[in-house]
PDB file of all heavy atoms in Angstrom:
ATOM      1  N   LEU A   1       0.816  -1.220  -0.022  1.00  0.00           N
ATOM      2  CA  LEU A   1       0.028  -0.010  -0.039  1.00  0.00           C
ATOM      3  C   LEU A   1       0.854   1.299   0.024  1.00  0.00           C
ATOM      4  O   LEU A   1       0.580   2.252  -0.701  1.00  0.00           O
ATOM      5  CB  LEU A   1      -0.931  -0.007   1.221  1.00  0.00           C
ATOM      6  CG  LEU A   1      -2.085  -1.013   1.201  1.00  0.00           C
ATOM      7  CD1 LEU A   1      -2.785  -1.016   2.565  1.00  0.00           C
ATOM      8  CD2 LEU A   1      -3.073  -0.707   0.101  1.00  0.00           C
ATOM      9  N   ALA A   2       1.936   1.229   0.793  1.00  0.00           N
ATOM     10  CA  ALA A   2       2.826   2.399   0.843  1.00  0.00           C
ATOM     11  C   ALA A   2       3.470   2.689  -0.508  1.00  0.00           C
ATOM     12  O   ALA A   2       3.672   3.888  -0.895  1.00  0.00           O
ATOM     13  CB  ALA A   2       3.919   2.200   1.890  1.00  0.00           C
ATOM     14  N   ALA A   3       3.768   1.679  -1.250  1.00  0.00           N
ATOM     15  CA  ALA A   3       4.323   1.841  -2.608  1.00  0.00           C
ATOM     16  C   ALA A   3       3.355   2.526  -3.553  1.00  0.00           C
ATOM     17  O   ALA A   3       3.780   3.113  -4.607  1.00  0.00           O
ATOM     18  CB  ALA A   3       4.811   0.550  -3.168  1.00  0.00           C
ATOM     19  N   LEU A   4       2.050   2.426  -3.227  1.00  0.00           N
ATOM     20  CA  LEU A   4       1.004   3.054  -4.111  1.00  0.00           C
ATOM     21  C   LEU A   4       0.486   4.377  -3.581  1.00  0.00           C
ATOM     22  O   LEU A   4      -0.412   4.998  -4.109  1.00  0.00           O
ATOM     23  CB  LEU A   4      -0.142   2.059  -4.268  1.00  0.00           C
ATOM     24  CG  LEU A   4       0.210   0.695  -4.899  1.00  0.00           C
ATOM     25  CD1 LEU A   4      -0.919  -0.294  -4.745  1.00  0.00           C
ATOM     26  CD2 LEU A   4       0.609   0.911  -6.383  1.00  0.00           C
ATOM     27  N   ALA A   5       0.913   4.751  -2.317  1.00  0.00           N
ATOM     28  CA  ALA A   5       0.380   5.911  -1.653  1.00  0.00           C
ATOM     29  C   ALA A   5       0.832   7.208  -2.241  1.00  0.00           C
ATOM     30  O   ALA A   5       1.751   7.278  -3.034  1.00  0.00           O
ATOM     31  CB  ALA A   5       0.806   5.841  -0.186  1.00  0.00           C
ATOM     32  N   ASP A   6       0.184   8.312  -1.840  1.00  0.00           N
ATOM     33  CA  ASP A   6       0.459   9.618  -2.379  1.00  0.00           C
ATOM     34  C   ASP A   6       1.492  10.388  -1.519  1.00  0.00           C
ATOM     35  O   ASP A   6       1.738  11.577  -1.798  1.00  0.00           O
ATOM     36  CB  ASP A   6      -0.829  10.442  -2.605  1.00  0.00           C
ATOM     37  CG  ASP A   6      -1.605  10.629  -1.274  1.00  0.00           C
ATOM     38  OD1 ASP A   6      -1.039  10.335  -0.215  1.00  0.00           O
ATOM     39  OD2 ASP A   6      -2.757  11.042  -1.399  1.00  0.00           O
ATOM     40  N   GLY A   7       1.972   9.783  -0.483  1.00  0.00           N
ATOM     41  CA  GLY A   7       2.977  10.381   0.432  1.00  0.00           C
ATOM     42  C   GLY A   7       3.957   9.334   0.916  1.00  0.00           C
ATOM     43  O   GLY A   7       3.732   8.103   0.765  1.00  0.00           O
ATOM     44  N   PRO A   8       5.011   9.793   1.565  1.00  0.00           N
ATOM     45  CA  PRO A   8       6.033   8.877   2.082  1.00  0.00           C
ATOM     46  C   PRO A   8       5.528   8.057   3.306  1.00  0.00           C
ATOM     47  O   PRO A   8       4.658   8.481   3.989  1.00  0.00           O
ATOM     48  CB  PRO A   8       7.201   9.784   2.445  1.00  0.00           C
ATOM     49  CG  PRO A   8       6.572  11.122   2.743  1.00  0.00           C
ATOM     50  CD  PRO A   8       5.362  11.219   1.822  1.00  0.00           C
ATOM     51  N   SER A   9       6.208   6.890   3.441  1.00  0.00           N
ATOM     52  CA  SER A   9       5.851   6.001   4.551  1.00  0.00           C
ATOM     53  C   SER A   9       7.121   5.514   5.259  1.00  0.00           C
ATOM     54  O   SER A   9       8.156   5.408   4.593  1.00  0.00           O
ATOM     55  CB  SER A   9       5.004   4.780   4.071  1.00  0.00           C
ATOM     56  OG  SER A   9       3.820   5.137   3.539  1.00  0.00           O
ATOM     57  N   ARG A  10       6.913   5.218   6.498  1.00  0.00           N
ATOM     58  CA  ARG A  10       8.037   4.595   7.199  1.00  0.00           C
ATOM     59  C   ARG A  10       7.412   3.401   8.047  1.00  0.00           C
ATOM     60  O   ARG A  10       6.417   3.604   8.763  1.00  0.00           O
ATOM     61  CB  ARG A  10       8.778   5.507   8.141  1.00  0.00           C
ATOM     62  CG  ARG A  10       9.943   4.858   8.902  1.00  0.00           C
ATOM     63  CD  ARG A  10      10.658   5.833   9.829  1.00  0.00           C
ATOM     64  NE  ARG A  10      11.744   5.180  10.544  1.00  0.00           N
ATOM     65  CZ  ARG A  10      12.270   5.623  11.657  1.00  0.00           C
ATOM     66  NH1 ARG A  10      11.846   6.743  12.183  1.00  0.00           N
ATOM     67  NH2 ARG A  10      13.262   4.988  12.221  1.00  0.00           N
ATOM     68  N   ILE A  11       7.996   2.198   7.867  1.00  0.00           N
ATOM     69  CA  ILE A  11       7.635   1.045   8.664  1.00  0.00           C
ATOM     70  C   ILE A  11       8.759   0.753   9.659  1.00  0.00           C
ATOM     71  O   ILE A  11       9.900   0.560   9.196  1.00  0.00           O
ATOM     72  CB  ILE A  11       7.344  -0.161   7.703  1.00  0.00           C
ATOM     73  CG1 ILE A  11       6.110   0.168   6.834  1.00  0.00           C
ATOM     74  CG2 ILE A  11       7.101  -1.398   8.558  1.00  0.00           C
ATOM     75  CD1 ILE A  11       5.877  -0.846   5.742  1.00  0.00           C
ATOM     76  N   ARG A  12       8.442   0.687  10.911  1.00  0.00           N
ATOM     77  CA  ARG A  12       9.427   0.513  11.951  1.00  0.00           C
ATOM     78  C   ARG A  12       9.189  -0.703  12.806  1.00  0.00           C
ATOM     79  O   ARG A  12       8.043  -1.326  12.796  1.00  0.00           O
ATOM     80  CB  ARG A  12       9.463   1.781  12.861  1.00  0.00           C
ATOM     81  CG  ARG A  12       9.812   3.068  12.134  1.00  0.00           C
ATOM     82  CD  ARG A  12       9.715   4.273  13.103  1.00  0.00           C
ATOM     83  NE  ARG A  12       8.284   4.687  13.296  1.00  0.00           N
ATOM     84  CZ  ARG A  12       7.676   4.475  14.487  1.00  0.00           C
ATOM     85  NH1 ARG A  12       8.266   3.961  15.503  1.00  0.00           N
ATOM     86  NH2 ARG A  12       6.365   4.857  14.597  1.00  0.00           N
ATOM     87  N   GLY A  13      10.165  -1.149  13.584  1.00  0.00           N
ATOM     88  CA  GLY A  13      10.041  -2.195  14.583  1.00  0.00           C
ATOM     89  C   GLY A  13      10.005  -3.571  14.094  1.00  0.00           C
ATOM     90  O   GLY A  13       9.628  -4.520  14.836  1.00  0.00           O
ATOM     91  N   VAL A  14      10.425  -3.806  12.840  1.00  0.00           N
ATOM     92  CA  VAL A  14      10.274  -5.181  12.260  1.00  0.00           C
ATOM     93  C   VAL A  14      11.590  -5.843  11.846  1.00  0.00           C
ATOM     94  O   VAL A  14      11.655  -6.612  10.935  1.00  0.00           O
ATOM     95  CB  VAL A  14       9.244  -5.175  11.106  1.00  0.00           C
ATOM     96  CG1 VAL A  14       7.880  -4.803  11.552  1.00  0.00           C
ATOM     97  CG2 VAL A  14       9.758  -4.208   9.980  1.00  0.00           C
ATOM     98  N   ALA A  15      12.700  -5.463  12.564  1.00  0.00           N
ATOM     99  CA  ALA A  15      13.949  -6.066  12.219  1.00  0.00           C
ATOM    100  C   ALA A  15      13.943  -7.573  12.260  1.00  0.00           C
ATOM    101  O   ALA A  15      14.583  -8.264  11.422  1.00  0.00           O
ATOM    102  CB  ALA A  15      15.009  -5.568  13.145  1.00  0.00           C
ATOM    103  N   HIS A  16      13.064  -8.133  13.119  1.00  0.00           N
ATOM    104  CA  HIS A  16      12.993  -9.616  13.237  1.00  0.00           C
ATOM    105  C   HIS A  16      12.443 -10.301  11.988  1.00  0.00           C
ATOM    106  O   HIS A  16      12.642 -11.495  11.872  1.00  0.00           O
ATOM    107  CB  HIS A  16      12.141  -9.974  14.450  1.00  0.00           C
ATOM    108  CG  HIS A  16      10.734  -9.512  14.380  1.00  0.00           C
ATOM    109  ND1 HIS A  16      10.412  -8.171  14.676  1.00  0.00           N
ATOM    110  CD2 HIS A  16       9.572 -10.059  14.114  1.00  0.00           C
ATOM    111  CE1 HIS A  16       9.130  -8.029  14.496  1.00  0.00           C
ATOM    112  NE2 HIS A  16       8.590  -9.149  14.170  1.00  0.00           N
ATOM    113  N   ILE A  17      11.763  -9.578  11.099  1.00  0.00           N
ATOM    114  CA  ILE A  17      11.198 -10.241   9.902  1.00  0.00           C
ATOM    115  C   ILE A  17      12.301 -10.585   8.906  1.00  0.00           C
ATOM    116  O   ILE A  17      11.974 -11.256   7.880  1.00  0.00           O
ATOM    117  CB  ILE A  17      10.027  -9.505   9.253  1.00  0.00           C
ATOM    118  CG1 ILE A  17      10.531  -8.213   8.545  1.00  0.00           C
ATOM    119  CG2 ILE A  17       8.990  -9.191  10.294  1.00  0.00           C
ATOM    120  CD1 ILE A  17       9.390  -7.566   7.764  1.00  0.00           C
ATOM    121  N   ARG A  18      13.496 -10.220   9.115  1.00  0.00           N
ATOM    122  CA  ARG A  18      14.610 -10.731   8.333  1.00  0.00           C
ATOM    123  C   ARG A  18      14.809 -12.228   8.468  1.00  0.00           C
ATOM    124  O   ARG A  18      15.392 -12.850   7.610  1.00  0.00           O
ATOM    125  CB  ARG A  18      15.910 -10.000   8.639  1.00  0.00           C
ATOM    126  CG  ARG A  18      15.889  -8.495   8.219  1.00  0.00           C
ATOM    127  CD  ARG A  18      17.291  -7.902   8.415  1.00  0.00           C
ATOM    128  NE  ARG A  18      17.289  -6.464   8.134  1.00  0.00           N
ATOM    129  CZ  ARG A  18      17.349  -5.895   6.970  1.00  0.00           C
ATOM    130  NH1 ARG A  18      17.421  -6.667   5.891  1.00  0.00           N
ATOM    131  NH2 ARG A  18      17.335  -4.532   6.785  1.00  0.00           N
ATOM    132  N   GLY A  19      14.304 -12.749   9.543  1.00  0.00           N
ATOM    133  CA  GLY A  19      14.398 -14.207   9.804  1.00  0.00           C
ATOM    134  C   GLY A  19      13.071 -14.952   9.563  1.00  0.00           C
ATOM    135  O   GLY A  19      12.946 -16.081  10.033  1.00  0.00           O
ATOM    136  N   HIS A  20      12.125 -14.363   8.897  1.00  0.00           N
ATOM    137  CA  HIS A  20      10.859 -15.078   8.556  1.00  0.00           C
ATOM    138  C   HIS A  20      11.104 -15.959   7.351  1.00  0.00           C
ATOM    139  O   HIS A  20      12.174 -16.477   7.107  1.00  0.00           O
ATOM    140  CB  HIS A  20       9.737 -14.053   8.343  1.00  0.00           C
ATOM    141  CG  HIS A  20       9.164 -13.513   9.665  1.00  0.00           C
ATOM    142  ND1 HIS A  20       7.938 -12.844   9.729  1.00  0.00           N
ATOM    143  CD2 HIS A  20       9.661 -13.587  10.885  1.00  0.00           C
ATOM    144  CE1 HIS A  20       7.723 -12.572  10.979  1.00  0.00           C
ATOM    145  NE2 HIS A  20       8.720 -12.928  11.693  1.00  0.00           N
ATOM    146  N   GLU A  21      10.044 -16.254   6.611  1.00  0.00           N
ATOM    147  CA  GLU A  21      10.175 -17.167   5.441  1.00  0.00           C
ATOM    148  C   GLU A  21      11.287 -16.702   4.540  1.00  0.00           C
ATOM    149  O   GLU A  21      11.952 -17.589   3.893  1.00  0.00           O
ATOM    150  CB  GLU A  21       8.818 -17.246   4.720  1.00  0.00           C
ATOM    151  CG  GLU A  21       7.745 -18.082   5.361  1.00  0.00           C
ATOM    152  CD  GLU A  21       7.028 -17.434   6.487  1.00  0.00           C
ATOM    153  OE1 GLU A  21       7.430 -16.375   6.966  1.00  0.00           O
ATOM    154  OE2 GLU A  21       5.998 -17.975   6.924  1.00  0.00           O
ATOM    155  N   THR A  22      11.512 -15.452   4.392  1.00  0.00           N
ATOM    156  CA  THR A  22      12.646 -14.907   3.805  1.00  0.00           C
ATOM    157  C   THR A  22      13.036 -13.622   4.566  1.00  0.00           C
ATOM    158  O   THR A  22      12.305 -13.281   5.521  1.00  0.00           O
ATOM    159  CB  THR A  22      12.434 -14.594   2.316  1.00  0.00           C
ATOM    160  OG1 THR A  22      13.674 -14.268   1.640  1.00  0.00           O
ATOM    161  CG2 THR A  22      11.440 -13.451   2.113  1.00  0.00           C
ATOM    162  N   ASP A  23      14.095 -12.938   4.161  1.00  0.00           N
ATOM    163  CA  ASP A  23      14.361 -11.612   4.716  1.00  0.00           C
ATOM    164  C   ASP A  23      13.315 -10.697   4.087  1.00  0.00           C
ATOM    165  O   ASP A  23      13.508 -10.167   3.030  1.00  0.00           O
ATOM    166  CB  ASP A  23      15.747 -11.181   4.368  1.00  0.00           C
ATOM    167  CG  ASP A  23      16.104  -9.785   4.886  1.00  0.00           C
ATOM    168  OD1 ASP A  23      15.204  -8.985   5.193  1.00  0.00           O
ATOM    169  OD2 ASP A  23      17.328  -9.416   5.014  1.00  0.00           O
ATOM    170  N   ARG A  24      12.186 -10.449   4.797  1.00  0.00           N
ATOM    171  CA  ARG A  24      11.134  -9.706   4.197  1.00  0.00           C
ATOM    172  C   ARG A  24      11.480  -8.254   3.977  1.00  0.00           C
ATOM    173  O   ARG A  24      10.952  -7.638   3.029  1.00  0.00           O
ATOM    174  CB  ARG A  24       9.841  -9.837   5.050  1.00  0.00           C
ATOM    175  CG  ARG A  24       9.147 -11.134   4.901  1.00  0.00           C
ATOM    176  CD  ARG A  24       7.892 -11.286   5.732  1.00  0.00           C
ATOM    177  NE  ARG A  24       7.185 -12.555   5.450  1.00  0.00           N
ATOM    178  CZ  ARG A  24       6.280 -13.071   6.184  1.00  0.00           C
ATOM    179  NH1 ARG A  24       5.922 -12.429   7.352  1.00  0.00           N
ATOM    180  NH2 ARG A  24       5.640 -14.151   5.867  1.00  0.00           N
ATOM    181  N   ILE A  25      12.313  -7.665   4.776  1.00  0.00           N
ATOM    182  CA  ILE A  25      12.747  -6.330   4.577  1.00  0.00           C
ATOM    183  C   ILE A  25      13.486  -6.158   3.203  1.00  0.00           C
ATOM    184  O   ILE A  25      13.157  -5.311   2.373  1.00  0.00           O
ATOM    185  CB  ILE A  25      13.552  -5.779   5.697  1.00  0.00           C
ATOM    186  CG1 ILE A  25      12.733  -5.720   6.998  1.00  0.00           C
ATOM    187  CG2 ILE A  25      14.136  -4.401   5.443  1.00  0.00           C
ATOM    188  CD1 ILE A  25      13.470  -5.286   8.236  1.00  0.00           C
ATOM    189  N   ALA A  26      14.465  -7.000   3.024  1.00  0.00           N
ATOM    190  CA  ALA A  26      15.263  -6.925   1.792  1.00  0.00           C
ATOM    191  C   ALA A  26      14.422  -7.304   0.600  1.00  0.00           C
ATOM    192  O   ALA A  26      14.483  -6.719  -0.477  1.00  0.00           O
ATOM    193  CB  ALA A  26      16.472  -7.851   1.866  1.00  0.00           C
ATOM    194  N   ALA A  27      13.526  -8.296   0.757  1.00  0.00           N
ATOM    195  CA  ALA A  27      12.712  -8.732  -0.337  1.00  0.00           C
ATOM    196  C   ALA A  27      11.697  -7.677  -0.792  1.00  0.00           C
ATOM    197  O   ALA A  27      11.553  -7.399  -1.953  1.00  0.00           O
ATOM    198  CB  ALA A  27      11.946 -10.024   0.032  1.00  0.00           C
ATOM    199  N   LEU A  28      11.095  -7.005   0.215  1.00  0.00           N
ATOM    200  CA  LEU A  28      10.111  -5.930  -0.186  1.00  0.00           C
ATOM    201  C   LEU A  28      10.801  -4.829  -0.891  1.00  0.00           C
ATOM    202  O   LEU A  28      10.338  -4.274  -1.894  1.00  0.00           O
ATOM    203  CB  LEU A  28       9.413  -5.517   1.089  1.00  0.00           C
ATOM    204  CG  LEU A  28       8.346  -6.482   1.614  1.00  0.00           C
ATOM    205  CD1 LEU A  28       7.954  -6.138   3.033  1.00  0.00           C
ATOM    206  CD2 LEU A  28       7.084  -6.479   0.715  1.00  0.00           C
ATOM    207  N   ALA A  29      11.964  -4.359  -0.325  1.00  0.00           N
ATOM    208  CA  ALA A  29      12.685  -3.278  -0.957  1.00  0.00           C
ATOM    209  C   ALA A  29      13.100  -3.651  -2.431  1.00  0.00           C
ATOM    210  O   ALA A  29      12.927  -2.878  -3.343  1.00  0.00           O
ATOM    211  CB  ALA A  29      13.936  -2.900  -0.153  1.00  0.00           C
ATOM    212  N   THR A  30      13.551  -4.867  -2.574  1.00  0.00           N
ATOM    213  CA  THR A  30      14.007  -5.296  -3.870  1.00  0.00           C
ATOM    214  C   THR A  30      12.845  -5.307  -4.843  1.00  0.00           C
ATOM    215  O   THR A  30      12.951  -4.847  -6.014  1.00  0.00           O
ATOM    216  CB  THR A  30      14.639  -6.704  -3.757  1.00  0.00           C
ATOM    217  OG1 THR A  30      15.827  -6.600  -2.985  1.00  0.00           O
ATOM    218  CG2 THR A  30      15.001  -7.224  -5.140  1.00  0.00           C
ATOM    219  N   GLU A  31      11.683  -5.899  -4.490  1.00  0.00           N
ATOM    220  CA  GLU A  31      10.603  -6.062  -5.411  1.00  0.00           C
ATOM    221  C   GLU A  31       9.889  -4.745  -5.715  1.00  0.00           C
ATOM    222  O   GLU A  31       9.526  -4.559  -6.854  1.00  0.00           O
ATOM    223  CB  GLU A  31       9.636  -7.105  -4.923  1.00  0.00           C
ATOM    224  CG  GLU A  31      10.277  -8.486  -4.728  1.00  0.00           C
ATOM    225  CD  GLU A  31      11.081  -8.875  -5.908  1.00  0.00           C
ATOM    226  OE1 GLU A  31      10.551  -8.815  -7.061  1.00  0.00           O
ATOM    227  OE2 GLU A  31      12.242  -9.277  -5.769  1.00  0.00           O
ATOM    228  N   ILE A  32       9.769  -3.889  -4.678  1.00  0.00           N
ATOM    229  CA  ILE A  32       9.165  -2.525  -5.010  1.00  0.00           C
ATOM    230  C   ILE A  32      10.070  -1.770  -5.915  1.00  0.00           C
ATOM    231  O   ILE A  32       9.580  -1.173  -6.908  1.00  0.00           O
ATOM    232  CB  ILE A  32       8.981  -1.789  -3.649  1.00  0.00           C
ATOM    233  CG1 ILE A  32       7.831  -2.456  -2.871  1.00  0.00           C
ATOM    234  CG2 ILE A  32       8.642  -0.319  -3.928  1.00  0.00           C
ATOM    235  CD1 ILE A  32       7.670  -1.954  -1.455  1.00  0.00           C
ATOM    236  N   ASN A  33      11.357  -1.832  -5.668  1.00  0.00           N
ATOM    237  CA  ASN A  33      12.319  -1.067  -6.550  1.00  0.00           C
ATOM    238  C   ASN A  33      12.368  -1.685  -7.979  1.00  0.00           C
ATOM    239  O   ASN A  33      12.602  -1.037  -8.964  1.00  0.00           O
ATOM    240  CB  ASN A  33      13.663  -1.052  -5.926  1.00  0.00           C
ATOM    241  CG  ASN A  33      13.673  -0.154  -4.712  1.00  0.00           C
ATOM    242  OD1 ASN A  33      12.812   0.671  -4.484  1.00  0.00           O
ATOM    243  ND2 ASN A  33      14.705  -0.349  -3.817  1.00  0.00           N
ATOM    244  N   ARG A  34      12.176  -3.076  -8.097  1.00  0.00           N
ATOM    245  CA  ARG A  34      12.214  -3.677  -9.321  1.00  0.00           C
ATOM    246  C   ARG A  34      11.103  -3.168 -10.257  1.00  0.00           C
ATOM    247  O   ARG A  34      11.224  -3.096 -11.470  1.00  0.00           O
ATOM    248  CB  ARG A  34      12.032  -5.238  -9.171  1.00  0.00           C
ATOM    249  CG  ARG A  34      12.235  -6.039 -10.410  1.00  0.00           C
ATOM    250  CD  ARG A  34      11.741  -7.449 -10.266  1.00  0.00           C
ATOM    251  NE  ARG A  34      12.270  -8.163  -9.140  1.00  0.00           N
ATOM    252  CZ  ARG A  34      13.468  -8.775  -9.176  1.00  0.00           C
ATOM    253  NH1 ARG A  34      14.189  -8.753 -10.276  1.00  0.00           N
ATOM    254  NH2 ARG A  34      13.933  -9.409  -8.100  1.00  0.00           N
ATOM    255  N   LEU A  35      10.009  -2.791  -9.646  1.00  0.00           N
ATOM    256  CA  LEU A  35       8.859  -2.194 -10.402  1.00  0.00           C
ATOM    257  C   LEU A  35       8.956  -0.696 -10.577  1.00  0.00           C
ATOM    258  O   LEU A  35       7.991  -0.062 -11.001  1.00  0.00           O
ATOM    259  CB  LEU A  35       7.560  -2.579  -9.736  1.00  0.00           C
ATOM    260  CG  LEU A  35       7.246  -4.056  -9.566  1.00  0.00           C
ATOM    261  CD1 LEU A  35       5.851  -4.266  -8.930  1.00  0.00           C
ATOM    262  CD2 LEU A  35       7.358  -4.807 -10.914  1.00  0.00           C
ATOM    263  N   GLY A  36      10.111  -0.103 -10.224  1.00  0.00           N
ATOM    264  CA  GLY A  36      10.281   1.325 -10.429  1.00  0.00           C
ATOM    265  C   GLY A  36      10.044   2.142  -9.212  1.00  0.00           C
ATOM    266  O   GLY A  36      10.044   3.405  -9.239  1.00  0.00           O
ATOM    267  N   GLY A  37       9.766   1.519  -8.074  1.00  0.00           N
ATOM    268  CA  GLY A  37       9.440   2.256  -6.819  1.00  0.00           C
ATOM    269  C   GLY A  37      10.697   2.763  -6.160  1.00  0.00           C
ATOM    270  O   GLY A  37      11.866   2.587  -6.609  1.00  0.00           O
TER     271      GLY A  37
END
């Protein structure tokens, strides 16, 4: 949703999701940027 929003966003407090099914922080940044975000 933040990638589609009309203003900037910050998501905090989720360092631990780097150890979920994948490193979700790195994966989200990579995929949003892959689409031009």
